[in-house]
Amino acid sequence: MKPIVFCDFDGTITAKETFVAVLREFAPELAAELIPQMYALKLTLRDGVRRILESIPSSSLPEIIEFTRRQPMRAGLSELLDFLESQDVPFVVVSGGLRSMVEVVLNSLVQRIHAIHAIDVDTSSSHFRVLSPYEGETELVDKVKVMDLYDTADVKIAIGDSVTDLNMAVSAPVVFARDRLAQYLDERNKPYIAWNDFFDIRTALIQLWNA
């Protein structure tokens, strides 16, 4: 068996929804209009996030990075990585947010991540232009499409917390869900393992794999 772990970033690795906070901070009017529509599944993430991001001036990127740098990580990530490395299990970050935000929060842990799939932005013109090689019908980063890149894995494990993780969670055989994602999965009768921090996930994986 070759397991692989796919983990969301915003509100999952970060203790708070950092990318959502950035959108609300740097594009408050459009974010206030569109974010509730995305949570209600009335507007796709692809269209909503693109509209908000591309309304932000390119000159704001350094401020966004500094805003992100202050955001705390959820407890236990380093210890989970220790365990996964001991089992030779890759840990892949799949984010519907900005790559630069992911990297600044992870800091030195970036070296221990197998891969990061996220949104890049072109800042050569007045406003952000979204760049995403894995854009799908409803997401700027199609997380199922990213999971399909790793077709040699026997068991795909998804970790998430919100609407950006819904498609990934529905497709994965093993799911760790919290917050909004747990509610969405309850509505769809999709089984999942509830979690609060990465220590919970490490404990659950030890039990699963020992069984």
C-alpha atoms as a PDB file:
ATOM      1  CA  MET A   1       0.000   0.000   0.000  1.00  0.00           C
ATOM      2  CA  LYS A   2       1.292   3.440  -0.984  1.00  0.00           C
ATOM      3  CA  PRO A   3      -0.585   6.165   0.899  1.00  0.00           C
ATOM      4  CA  ILE A   4      -0.307   9.877   0.101  1.00  0.00           C
ATOM      5  CA  VAL A   5      -1.704  12.821   2.066  1.00  0.00           C
ATOM      6  CA  PHE A   6      -3.272  15.861   0.384  1.00  0.00           C
ATOM      7  CA  CYS A   7      -3.746  18.819   2.704  1.00  0.00           C
ATOM      8  CA  ASP A   8      -5.550  22.127   2.258  1.00  0.00           C
ATOM      9  CA  PHE A   9      -3.799  25.269   3.481  1.00  0.00           C
ATOM     10  CA  ASP A  10      -6.258  28.033   4.361  1.00  0.00           C
ATOM     11  CA  GLY A  11      -8.001  27.311   7.672  1.00  0.00           C
ATOM     12  CA  THR A  12      -6.380  23.861   7.734  1.00  0.00           C
ATOM     13  CA  ILE A  13      -2.646  24.465   8.051  1.00  0.00           C
ATOM     14  CA  THR A  14      -3.392  27.997   9.225  1.00  0.00           C
ATOM     15  CA  ALA A  15      -5.443  28.230  12.415  1.00  0.00           C
ATOM     16  CA  LYS A  16      -7.709  30.807  10.751  1.00  0.00           C
ATOM     17  CA  GLU A  17      -8.949  31.274   7.185  1.00  0.00           C
ATOM     18  CA  THR A  18      -6.016  33.414   6.121  1.00  0.00           C
ATOM     19  CA  PHE A  19      -6.736  33.623   2.386  1.00  0.00           C
ATOM     20  CA  VAL A  20     -10.339  34.639   3.066  1.00  0.00           C
ATOM     21  CA  ALA A  21      -9.017  37.270   5.491  1.00  0.00           C
ATOM     22  CA  VAL A  22      -6.677  38.589   2.773  1.00  0.00           C
ATOM     23  CA  LEU A  23      -9.530  38.850   0.267  1.00  0.00           C
ATOM     24  CA  ARG A  24     -11.650  40.713   2.822  1.00  0.00           C
ATOM     25  CA  GLU A  25      -8.765  43.002   3.766  1.00  0.00           C
ATOM     26  CA  PHE A  26      -7.577  43.903   0.262  1.00  0.00           C
ATOM     27  CA  ALA A  27     -10.862  43.748  -1.705  1.00  0.00           C
ATOM     28  CA  PRO A  28     -13.489  44.343   1.010  1.00  0.00           C
ATOM     29  CA  GLU A  29     -16.510  45.312  -1.091  1.00  0.00           C
ATOM     30  CA  LEU A  30     -16.199  42.558  -3.681  1.00  0.00           C
ATOM     31  CA  ALA A  31     -15.295  39.987  -1.020  1.00  0.00           C
ATOM     32  CA  ALA A  32     -18.362  40.931   1.032  1.00  0.00           C
ATOM     33  CA  GLU A  33     -20.523  40.396  -2.043  1.00  0.00           C
ATOM     34  CA  LEU A  34     -19.017  37.205  -3.441  1.00  0.00           C
ATOM     35  CA  ILE A  35     -17.683  35.135  -0.516  1.00  0.00           C
ATOM     36  CA  PRO A  36     -21.159  34.367   0.928  1.00  0.00           C
ATOM     37  CA  GLN A  37     -22.264  33.244  -2.553  1.00  0.00           C
ATOM     38  CA  MET A  38     -19.294  30.857  -2.754  1.00  0.00           C
ATOM     39  CA  TYR A  39     -20.005  29.419   0.711  1.00  0.00           C
ATOM     40  CA  ALA A  40     -23.640  28.906  -0.340  1.00  0.00           C
ATOM     41  CA  LEU A  41     -22.408  27.088  -3.483  1.00  0.00           C
ATOM     42  CA  LYS A  42     -24.246  29.621  -5.681  1.00  0.00           C
ATOM     43  CA  LEU A  43     -21.030  30.920  -7.274  1.00  0.00           C
ATOM     44  CA  THR A  44     -18.074  28.788  -8.296  1.00  0.00           C
ATOM     45  CA  LEU A  45     -14.744  29.240  -6.560  1.00  0.00           C
ATOM     46  CA  ARG A  46     -13.134  29.665  -9.982  1.00  0.00           C
ATOM     47  CA  ASP A  47     -15.259  32.671 -10.877  1.00  0.00           C
ATOM     48  CA  GLY A  48     -15.543  34.231  -7.429  1.00  0.00           C
ATOM     49  CA  VAL A  49     -11.900  33.996  -6.372  1.00  0.00           C
ATOM     50  CA  ARG A  50     -10.674  35.144  -9.786  1.00  0.00           C
ATOM     51  CA  ARG A  51     -12.927  38.229  -9.727  1.00  0.00           C
ATOM     52  CA  ILE A  52     -11.754  39.182  -6.237  1.00  0.00           C
ATOM     53  CA  LEU A  53      -8.049  38.524  -6.844  1.00  0.00           C
ATOM     54  CA  GLU A  54      -7.974  40.339 -10.169  1.00  0.00           C
ATOM     55  CA  SER A  55      -9.484  43.426  -8.512  1.00  0.00           C
ATOM     56  CA  ILE A  56      -6.427  43.734  -6.212  1.00  0.00           C
ATOM     57  CA  PRO A  57      -3.564  46.030  -7.321  1.00  0.00           C
ATOM     58  CA  SER A  58      -0.279  44.242  -7.994  1.00  0.00           C
ATOM     59  CA  SER A  59       1.441  46.707  -5.663  1.00  0.00           C
ATOM     60  CA  SER A  60      -0.420  45.076  -2.737  1.00  0.00           C
ATOM     61  CA  LEU A  61       1.550  41.810  -2.904  1.00  0.00           C
ATOM     62  CA  PRO A  62       4.254  42.794  -0.345  1.00  0.00           C
ATOM     63  CA  GLU A  63       1.516  43.879   2.098  1.00  0.00           C
ATOM     64  CA  ILE A  64      -0.322  40.595   1.576  1.00  0.00           C
ATOM     65  CA  ILE A  65       2.865  38.653   2.325  1.00  0.00           C
ATOM     66  CA  GLU A  66       3.431  40.611   5.532  1.00  0.00           C
ATOM     67  CA  PHE A  67      -0.218  40.209   6.541  1.00  0.00           C
ATOM     68  CA  THR A  68       0.131  36.448   6.013  1.00  0.00           C
ATOM     69  CA  ARG A  69       3.454  36.132   7.849  1.00  0.00           C
ATOM     70  CA  ARG A  70       1.720  36.927  11.141  1.00  0.00           C
ATOM     71  CA  GLN A  71      -0.853  34.122  10.825  1.00  0.00           C
ATOM     72  CA  PRO A  72      -0.450  31.192  13.266  1.00  0.00           C
ATOM     73  CA  MET A  73      -0.318  27.566  12.117  1.00  0.00           C
ATOM     74  CA  ARG A  74      -2.553  24.898  13.578  1.00  0.00           C
ATOM     75  CA  ALA A  75      -0.778  22.781  16.197  1.00  0.00           C
ATOM     76  CA  GLY A  76       0.981  19.525  15.396  1.00  0.00           C
ATOM     77  CA  LEU A  77       1.997  19.899  11.743  1.00  0.00           C
ATOM     78  CA  SER A  78       5.693  19.333  12.381  1.00  0.00           C
ATOM     79  CA  GLU A  79       4.914  16.226  14.444  1.00  0.00           C
ATOM     80  CA  LEU A  80       2.587  14.884  11.733  1.00  0.00           C
ATOM     81  CA  LEU A  81       5.362  15.400   9.172  1.00  0.00           C
ATOM     82  CA  ASP A  82       7.778  13.535  11.467  1.00  0.00           C
ATOM     83  CA  PHE A  83       5.399  10.567  11.522  1.00  0.00           C
ATOM     84  CA  LEU A  84       4.687  10.622   7.771  1.00  0.00           C
ATOM     85  CA  GLU A  85       8.420  10.771   7.009  1.00  0.00           C
ATOM     86  CA  SER A  86       8.979   7.750   9.252  1.00  0.00           C
ATOM     87  CA  GLN A  87       6.380   5.899   7.151  1.00  0.00           C
ATOM     88  CA  ASP A  88       7.734   7.242   3.834  1.00  0.00           C
ATOM     89  CA  VAL A  89       4.365   8.874   3.075  1.00  0.00           C
ATOM     90  CA  PRO A  90       4.403  12.083   0.965  1.00  0.00           C
ATOM     91  CA  PHE A  91       2.584  15.197   2.214  1.00  0.00           C
ATOM     92  CA  VAL A  92       1.214  17.392  -0.588  1.00  0.00           C
ATOM     93  CA  VAL A  93      -0.273  20.854   0.008  1.00  0.00           C
ATOM     94  CA  VAL A  94      -3.165  21.686  -2.329  1.00  0.00           C
ATOM     95  CA  SER A  95      -4.360  25.258  -1.873  1.00  0.00           C
ATOM     96  CA  GLY A  96      -6.976  27.377  -3.592  1.00  0.00           C
ATOM     97  CA  GLY A  97      -5.008  30.392  -2.350  1.00  0.00           C
ATOM     98  CA  LEU A  98      -1.721  32.036  -3.298  1.00  0.00           C
ATOM     99  CA  ARG A  99       1.493  30.016  -3.390  1.00  0.00           C
ATOM    100  CA  SER A 100       3.441  32.909  -1.863  1.00  0.00           C
ATOM    101  CA  MET A 101       1.126  32.866   1.165  1.00  0.00           C
ATOM    102  CA  VAL A 102       1.569  29.116   1.626  1.00  0.00           C
ATOM    103  CA  GLU A 103       5.347  29.374   1.473  1.00  0.00           C
ATOM    104  CA  VAL A 104       5.652  32.291   3.897  1.00  0.00           C
ATOM    105  CA  VAL A 105       3.509  30.570   6.545  1.00  0.00           C
ATOM    106  CA  LEU A 106       5.218  27.167   6.199  1.00  0.00           C
ATOM    107  CA  ASN A 107       8.621  28.860   6.328  1.00  0.00           C
ATOM    108  CA  SER A 108      11.311  26.203   6.942  1.00  0.00           C
ATOM    109  CA  LEU A 109       8.721  23.387   6.755  1.00  0.00           C
ATOM    110  CA  VAL A 110       8.532  23.981   2.986  1.00  0.00           C
ATOM    111  CA  GLN A 111      11.596  21.731   2.625  1.00  0.00           C
ATOM    112  CA  ARG A 112       9.600  18.846   4.131  1.00  0.00           C
ATOM    113  CA  ILE A 113       6.605  19.190   1.810  1.00  0.00           C
ATOM    114  CA  HIS A 114       6.556  16.825  -1.163  1.00  0.00           C
ATOM    115  CA  ALA A 115       4.843  19.423  -3.408  1.00  0.00           C
ATOM    116  CA  ILE A 116       2.769  22.603  -3.236  1.00  0.00           C
ATOM    117  CA  HIS A 117      -0.039  23.177  -5.749  1.00  0.00           C
ATOM    118  CA  ALA A 118      -1.569  26.659  -5.484  1.00  0.00           C
ATOM    119  CA  ILE A 119      -2.436  29.840  -7.372  1.00  0.00           C
ATOM    120  CA  ASP A 120       0.312  32.056  -8.750  1.00  0.00           C
ATOM    121  CA  VAL A 121      -0.277  35.655  -9.772  1.00  0.00           C
ATOM    122  CA  ASP A 122       1.285  37.735 -12.517  1.00  0.00           C
ATOM    123  CA  THR A 123       2.073  41.185 -11.086  1.00  0.00           C
ATOM    124  CA  SER A 124       3.505  42.712 -14.283  1.00  0.00           C
ATOM    125  CA  SER A 125       0.389  44.821 -14.890  1.00  0.00           C
ATOM    126  CA  SER A 126      -1.629  47.118 -12.636  1.00  0.00           C
ATOM    127  CA  HIS A 127      -3.713  44.339 -11.048  1.00  0.00           C
ATOM    128  CA  PHE A 128      -3.159  40.673 -10.274  1.00  0.00           C
ATOM    129  CA  ARG A 129      -3.646  38.208 -13.100  1.00  0.00           C
ATOM    130  CA  VAL A 130      -4.382  34.691 -11.892  1.00  0.00           C
ATOM    131  CA  LEU A 131      -2.155  31.850 -13.139  1.00  0.00           C
ATOM    132  CA  SER A 132      -3.215  28.281 -12.404  1.00  0.00           C
ATOM    133  CA  PRO A 133      -2.145  25.230 -14.411  1.00  0.00           C
ATOM    134  CA  TYR A 134      -4.786  23.070 -12.707  1.00  0.00           C
ATOM    135  CA  GLU A 135      -7.877  25.198 -13.240  1.00  0.00           C
ATOM    136  CA  GLY A 136     -11.097  23.182 -13.392  1.00  0.00           C
ATOM    137  CA  GLU A 137     -14.757  23.798 -14.126  1.00  0.00           C
ATOM    138  CA  THR A 138     -15.508  25.098 -10.634  1.00  0.00           C
ATOM    139  CA  GLU A 139     -12.108  25.701  -8.984  1.00  0.00           C
ATOM    140  CA  LEU A 140      -9.022  27.744  -9.800  1.00  0.00           C
ATOM    141  CA  VAL A 141      -7.040  24.837  -8.385  1.00  0.00           C
ATOM    142  CA  ASP A 142      -8.951  21.662  -9.220  1.00  0.00           C
ATOM    143  CA  LYS A 143      -7.907  19.533  -6.261  1.00  0.00           C
ATOM    144  CA  VAL A 144      -9.226  16.297  -7.760  1.00  0.00           C
ATOM    145  CA  LYS A 145      -7.167  16.966 -10.890  1.00  0.00           C
ATOM    146  CA  VAL A 146      -4.109  17.472  -8.675  1.00  0.00           C
ATOM    147  CA  MET A 147      -4.795  14.219  -6.812  1.00  0.00           C
ATOM    148  CA  ASP A 148      -5.021  12.422 -10.156  1.00  0.00           C
ATOM    149  CA  LEU A 149      -1.410  13.445 -10.872  1.00  0.00           C
ATOM    150  CA  TYR A 150      -0.384  10.964  -8.180  1.00  0.00           C
ATOM    151  CA  ASP A 151      -2.002   7.888  -9.672  1.00  0.00           C
ATOM    152  CA  THR A 152       0.654   5.533  -8.306  1.00  0.00           C
ATOM    153  CA  ALA A 153      -0.714   6.011  -4.776  1.00  0.00           C
ATOM    154  CA  ASP A 154      -3.042   3.275  -3.516  1.00  0.00           C
ATOM    155  CA  VAL A 155      -4.662   5.287  -0.727  1.00  0.00           C
ATOM    156  CA  LYS A 156      -5.358   8.997  -1.048  1.00  0.00           C
ATOM    157  CA  ILE A 157      -6.001  10.857   2.187  1.00  0.00           C
ATOM    158  CA  ALA A 158      -7.560  14.344   2.161  1.00  0.00           C
ATOM    159  CA  ILE A 159      -7.404  16.924   4.962  1.00  0.00           C
ATOM    160  CA  GLY A 160      -9.585  20.032   4.810  1.00  0.00           C
ATOM    161  CA  ASP A 161     -11.957  22.447   6.451  1.00  0.00           C
ATOM    162  CA  SER A 162     -14.143  24.298   3.939  1.00  0.00           C
ATOM    163  CA  VAL A 163     -15.822  24.639   0.553  1.00  0.00           C
ATOM    164  CA  THR A 164     -12.509  24.627  -1.343  1.00  0.00           C
ATOM    165  CA  ASP A 165     -11.960  21.047  -0.148  1.00  0.00           C
ATOM    166  CA  LEU A 166     -15.388  19.632  -0.977  1.00  0.00           C
ATOM    167  CA  ASN A 167     -14.610  18.029  -4.345  1.00  0.00           C
ATOM    168  CA  MET A 168     -11.325  16.638  -3.030  1.00  0.00           C
ATOM    169  CA  ALA A 169     -13.073  15.198   0.036  1.00  0.00           C
ATOM    170  CA  VAL A 170     -15.858  13.572  -1.971  1.00  0.00           C
ATOM    171  CA  SER A 171     -13.239  11.905  -4.209  1.00  0.00           C
ATOM    172  CA  ALA A 172     -10.865  10.691  -1.474  1.00  0.00           C
ATOM    173  CA  PRO A 173     -11.444   7.344   0.275  1.00  0.00           C
ATOM    174  CA  VAL A 174     -10.102   8.682   3.598  1.00  0.00           C
ATOM    175  CA  VAL A 175     -11.053  12.212   4.670  1.00  0.00           C
ATOM    176  CA  PHE A 176     -10.220  14.329   7.708  1.00  0.00           C
ATOM    177  CA  ALA A 177     -12.810  17.113   7.901  1.00  0.00           C
ATOM    178  CA  ARG A 178     -13.618  19.940  10.250  1.00  0.00           C
ATOM    179  CA  ASP A 179     -15.734  23.112  10.291  1.00  0.00           C
ATOM    180  CA  ARG A 180     -17.701  23.859   7.074  1.00  0.00           C
ATOM    181  CA  LEU A 181     -16.317  20.827   5.238  1.00  0.00           C
ATOM    182  CA  ALA A 182     -17.736  18.500   7.887  1.00  0.00           C
ATOM    183  CA  GLN A 183     -21.159  20.126   7.418  1.00  0.00           C
ATOM    184  CA  TYR A 184     -21.021  19.722   3.637  1.00  0.00           C
ATOM    185  CA  LEU A 185     -20.041  16.058   4.007  1.00  0.00           C
ATOM    186  CA  ASP A 186     -22.804  15.425   6.561  1.00  0.00           C
ATOM    187  CA  GLU A 187     -25.297  16.758   3.988  1.00  0.00           C
ATOM    188  CA  ARG A 188     -23.902  14.293   1.420  1.00  0.00           C
ATOM    189  CA  ASN A 189     -23.655  11.319   3.797  1.00  0.00           C
ATOM    190  CA  LYS A 190     -19.924  11.081   3.062  1.00  0.00           C
ATOM    191  CA  PRO A 191     -17.981   9.477   5.945  1.00  0.00           C
ATOM    192  CA  TYR A 192     -15.062  11.397   7.429  1.00  0.00           C
ATOM    193  CA  ILE A 193     -12.827  11.548  10.490  1.00  0.00           C
ATOM    194  CA  ALA A 194     -13.324  14.677  12.598  1.00  0.00           C
ATOM    195  CA  TRP A 195     -10.207  16.517  13.753  1.00  0.00           C
ATOM    196  CA  ASN A 196      -9.136  19.678  15.580  1.00  0.00           C
ATOM    197  CA  ASP A 197      -5.358  19.716  15.137  1.00  0.00           C
ATOM    198  CA  PHE A 198      -2.655  17.705  13.389  1.00  0.00           C
ATOM    199  CA  PHE A 199      -1.977  15.681  16.540  1.00  0.00           C
ATOM    200  CA  ASP A 200      -5.491  14.232  16.075  1.00  0.00           C
ATOM    201  CA  ILE A 201      -4.650  13.261  12.496  1.00  0.00           C
ATOM    202  CA  ARG A 202      -1.359  11.639  13.495  1.00  0.00           C
ATOM    203  CA  THR A 203      -3.138   9.600  16.196  1.00  0.00           C
ATOM    204  CA  ALA A 204      -5.878   8.502  13.796  1.00  0.00           C
ATOM    205  CA  LEU A 205      -3.389   7.476  11.085  1.00  0.00           C
ATOM    206  CA  ILE A 206      -1.334   5.441  13.583  1.00  0.00           C
ATOM    207  CA  GLN A 207      -4.529   3.592  14.561  1.00  0.00           C
ATOM    208  CA  LEU A 208      -5.608   3.083  10.928  1.00  0.00           C
ATOM    209  CA  TRP A 209      -2.266   1.792   9.746  1.00  0.00           C
ATOM    210  CA  ASN A 210      -1.678  -0.413  12.760  1.00  0.00           C
ATOM    211  CA  ALA A 211      -5.106  -1.976  12.181  1.00  0.00           C
END
